[in-house]
């Protein structure tokens, strides 16, 4: 079994939650860590563990997730187009890194 599997499951659940927030809530009302503090604490912890992995692809994925988490935390302080553009750019990096990780199924 993959040693990172519990972290991948936490990440996938949180990314699905983020997708729901982005789909069903107006951009001005986007809050992530404030609305779901427990879920995002687990996400942050799992991303940190992945960022410290010895596997370079998993580490790159973890670092992208940590940066994405920081962007989402910025939304809690208010929505701007610049923040949305930055989050989109980092989100693309997350998806690219996710595809590179062997054994990670979405």
C-alpha atoms as a PDB file:
ATOM      1  CA  UNK A   1       0.000   0.000   0.000  1.00  0.00           C
ATOM      2  CA  UNK A   2       1.164   3.513  -0.763  1.00  0.00           C
ATOM      3  CA  UNK A   3       2.485   5.189   2.403  1.00  0.00           C
ATOM      4  CA  UNK A   4       0.935   8.483   1.317  1.00  0.00           C
ATOM      5  CA  UNK A   5      -2.549   7.056   0.690  1.00  0.00           C
ATOM      6  CA  UNK A   6      -4.230   8.615   3.780  1.00  0.00           C
ATOM      7  CA  UNK A   7      -2.812  12.013   2.796  1.00  0.00           C
ATOM      8  CA  UNK A   8      -4.006  11.575  -0.792  1.00  0.00           C
ATOM      9  CA  UNK A   9      -7.503  10.740   0.485  1.00  0.00           C
ATOM     10  CA  UNK A  10      -7.562  13.875   2.671  1.00  0.00           C
ATOM     11  CA  UNK A  11      -6.316  15.992  -0.231  1.00  0.00           C
ATOM     12  CA  UNK A  12      -8.903  14.552  -2.630  1.00  0.00           C
ATOM     13  CA  UNK A  13     -11.764  15.155  -0.181  1.00  0.00           C
ATOM     14  CA  UNK A  14     -10.680  18.747   0.363  1.00  0.00           C
ATOM     15  CA  UNK A  15     -10.211  19.414  -3.349  1.00  0.00           C
ATOM     16  CA  UNK A  16     -13.756  18.095  -3.940  1.00  0.00           C
ATOM     17  CA  UNK A  17     -15.008  20.481  -1.232  1.00  0.00           C
ATOM     18  CA  UNK A  18     -13.144  23.380  -2.877  1.00  0.00           C
ATOM     19  CA  UNK A  19     -14.747  22.486  -6.199  1.00  0.00           C
ATOM     20  CA  UNK A  20     -18.211  22.596  -4.610  1.00  0.00           C
ATOM     21  CA  UNK A  21     -17.515  25.984  -3.021  1.00  0.00           C
ATOM     22  CA  UNK A  22     -16.274  27.402  -6.322  1.00  0.00           C
ATOM     23  CA  UNK A  23     -19.263  25.975  -8.198  1.00  0.00           C
ATOM     24  CA  UNK A  24     -22.157  26.895  -5.922  1.00  0.00           C
ATOM     25  CA  UNK A  25     -21.124  30.044  -4.048  1.00  0.00           C
ATOM     26  CA  UNK A  26     -20.664  33.577  -5.406  1.00  0.00           C
ATOM     27  CA  UNK A  27     -16.995  34.658  -5.567  1.00  0.00           C
ATOM     28  CA  UNK A  28     -17.579  37.470  -3.077  1.00  0.00           C
ATOM     29  CA  UNK A  29     -18.665  34.889  -0.487  1.00  0.00           C
ATOM     30  CA  UNK A  30     -15.780  32.462  -0.981  1.00  0.00           C
ATOM     31  CA  UNK A  31     -14.338  31.509   2.352  1.00  0.00           C
ATOM     32  CA  UNK A  32     -12.458  28.303   2.846  1.00  0.00           C
ATOM     33  CA  UNK A  33     -10.485  28.027   6.074  1.00  0.00           C
ATOM     34  CA  UNK A  34     -12.979  30.173   7.984  1.00  0.00           C
ATOM     35  CA  UNK A  35     -15.944  28.053   6.913  1.00  0.00           C
ATOM     36  CA  UNK A  36     -14.315  24.609   7.251  1.00  0.00           C
ATOM     37  CA  UNK A  37     -11.425  25.007   9.722  1.00  0.00           C
ATOM     38  CA  UNK A  38     -11.079  21.306  10.582  1.00  0.00           C
ATOM     39  CA  UNK A  39     -11.052  20.149   6.968  1.00  0.00           C
ATOM     40  CA  UNK A  40      -8.457  22.724   5.960  1.00  0.00           C
ATOM     41  CA  UNK A  41      -6.274  22.001   8.976  1.00  0.00           C
ATOM     42  CA  UNK A  42      -6.140  18.352   7.879  1.00  0.00           C
ATOM     43  CA  UNK A  43      -5.491  19.490   4.285  1.00  0.00           C
ATOM     44  CA  UNK A  44      -2.624  21.728   5.423  1.00  0.00           C
ATOM     45  CA  UNK A  45      -1.132  18.912   7.519  1.00  0.00           C
ATOM     46  CA  UNK A  46      -1.388  16.365   4.701  1.00  0.00           C
ATOM     47  CA  UNK A  47       0.103  18.812   2.181  1.00  0.00           C
ATOM     48  CA  UNK A  48       2.984  19.492   4.571  1.00  0.00           C
ATOM     49  CA  UNK A  49       3.698  15.784   4.955  1.00  0.00           C
ATOM     50  CA  UNK A  50       3.692  15.334   1.186  1.00  0.00           C
ATOM     51  CA  UNK A  51       6.009  18.355   0.796  1.00  0.00           C
ATOM     52  CA  UNK A  52       8.530  16.606   3.075  1.00  0.00           C
ATOM     53  CA  UNK A  53       8.443  13.322   1.137  1.00  0.00           C
ATOM     54  CA  UNK A  54      11.625  11.737  -0.173  1.00  0.00           C
ATOM     55  CA  UNK A  55       9.977  11.101  -3.559  1.00  0.00           C
ATOM     56  CA  UNK A  56      10.616  14.224  -5.637  1.00  0.00           C
ATOM     57  CA  UNK A  57       7.298  14.023  -7.536  1.00  0.00           C
ATOM     58  CA  UNK A  58       5.302  13.686  -4.319  1.00  0.00           C
ATOM     59  CA  UNK A  59       7.348  16.521  -2.814  1.00  0.00           C
ATOM     60  CA  UNK A  60       6.576  18.784  -5.804  1.00  0.00           C
ATOM     61  CA  UNK A  61       2.878  17.944  -5.455  1.00  0.00           C
ATOM     62  CA  UNK A  62       2.981  18.708  -1.729  1.00  0.00           C
ATOM     63  CA  UNK A  63       4.694  22.045  -2.310  1.00  0.00           C
ATOM     64  CA  UNK A  64       2.076  23.016  -4.905  1.00  0.00           C
ATOM     65  CA  UNK A  65      -0.671  22.093  -2.423  1.00  0.00           C
ATOM     66  CA  UNK A  66       0.940  24.164   0.338  1.00  0.00           C
ATOM     67  CA  UNK A  67       1.067  27.168  -1.987  1.00  0.00           C
ATOM     68  CA  UNK A  68      -2.554  26.550  -3.030  1.00  0.00           C
ATOM     69  CA  UNK A  69      -3.580  26.453   0.624  1.00  0.00           C
ATOM     70  CA  UNK A  70      -1.978  29.865   1.141  1.00  0.00           C
ATOM     71  CA  UNK A  71      -3.943  31.265  -1.799  1.00  0.00           C
ATOM     72  CA  UNK A  72      -7.196  29.893  -0.430  1.00  0.00           C
ATOM     73  CA  UNK A  73      -6.448  31.443   2.965  1.00  0.00           C
ATOM     74  CA  UNK A  74      -6.086  34.805   1.182  1.00  0.00           C
ATOM     75  CA  UNK A  75      -9.699  34.519   0.016  1.00  0.00           C
ATOM     76  CA  UNK A  76     -10.804  34.571   3.658  1.00  0.00           C
ATOM     77  CA  UNK A  77      -9.509  38.155   3.807  1.00  0.00           C
ATOM     78  CA  UNK A  78     -11.502  39.199   0.739  1.00  0.00           C
ATOM     79  CA  UNK A  79     -11.996  38.408  -2.924  1.00  0.00           C
ATOM     80  CA  UNK A  80     -10.090  40.175  -5.700  1.00  0.00           C
ATOM     81  CA  UNK A  81      -9.532  39.332  -9.344  1.00  0.00           C
ATOM     82  CA  UNK A  82      -5.771  39.170  -8.728  1.00  0.00           C
ATOM     83  CA  UNK A  83      -6.241  36.557  -5.991  1.00  0.00           C
ATOM     84  CA  UNK A  84      -8.523  34.556  -8.276  1.00  0.00           C
ATOM     85  CA  UNK A  85      -5.956  34.661 -11.095  1.00  0.00           C
ATOM     86  CA  UNK A  86      -3.174  33.563  -8.747  1.00  0.00           C
ATOM     87  CA  UNK A  87      -5.289  30.704  -7.360  1.00  0.00           C
ATOM     88  CA  UNK A  88      -6.125  29.574 -10.891  1.00  0.00           C
ATOM     89  CA  UNK A  89      -2.465  29.545 -11.873  1.00  0.00           C
ATOM     90  CA  UNK A  90      -1.461  27.578  -8.779  1.00  0.00           C
ATOM     91  CA  UNK A  91      -4.443  25.252  -9.217  1.00  0.00           C
ATOM     92  CA  UNK A  92      -3.121  24.368 -12.665  1.00  0.00           C
ATOM     93  CA  UNK A  93       0.258  23.568 -11.089  1.00  0.00           C
ATOM     94  CA  UNK A  94      -1.490  21.320  -8.554  1.00  0.00           C
ATOM     95  CA  UNK A  95      -3.253  19.386 -11.328  1.00  0.00           C
ATOM     96  CA  UNK A  96      -0.028  19.047 -13.328  1.00  0.00           C
ATOM     97  CA  UNK A  97       1.879  17.825 -10.271  1.00  0.00           C
ATOM     98  CA  UNK A  98      -0.963  15.451  -9.356  1.00  0.00           C
ATOM     99  CA  UNK A  99      -0.726  13.751 -12.744  1.00  0.00           C
ATOM    100  CA  UNK A 100       2.996  13.151 -12.197  1.00  0.00           C
ATOM    101  CA  UNK A 101       2.565  11.304  -8.883  1.00  0.00           C
ATOM    102  CA  UNK A 102       2.630   7.538  -9.415  1.00  0.00           C
ATOM    103  CA  UNK A 103      -0.118   5.620  -7.671  1.00  0.00           C
ATOM    104  CA  UNK A 104      -2.263   8.678  -7.008  1.00  0.00           C
ATOM    105  CA  UNK A 105      -5.739   8.202  -8.350  1.00  0.00           C
ATOM    106  CA  UNK A 106      -8.206  11.053  -8.539  1.00  0.00           C
END
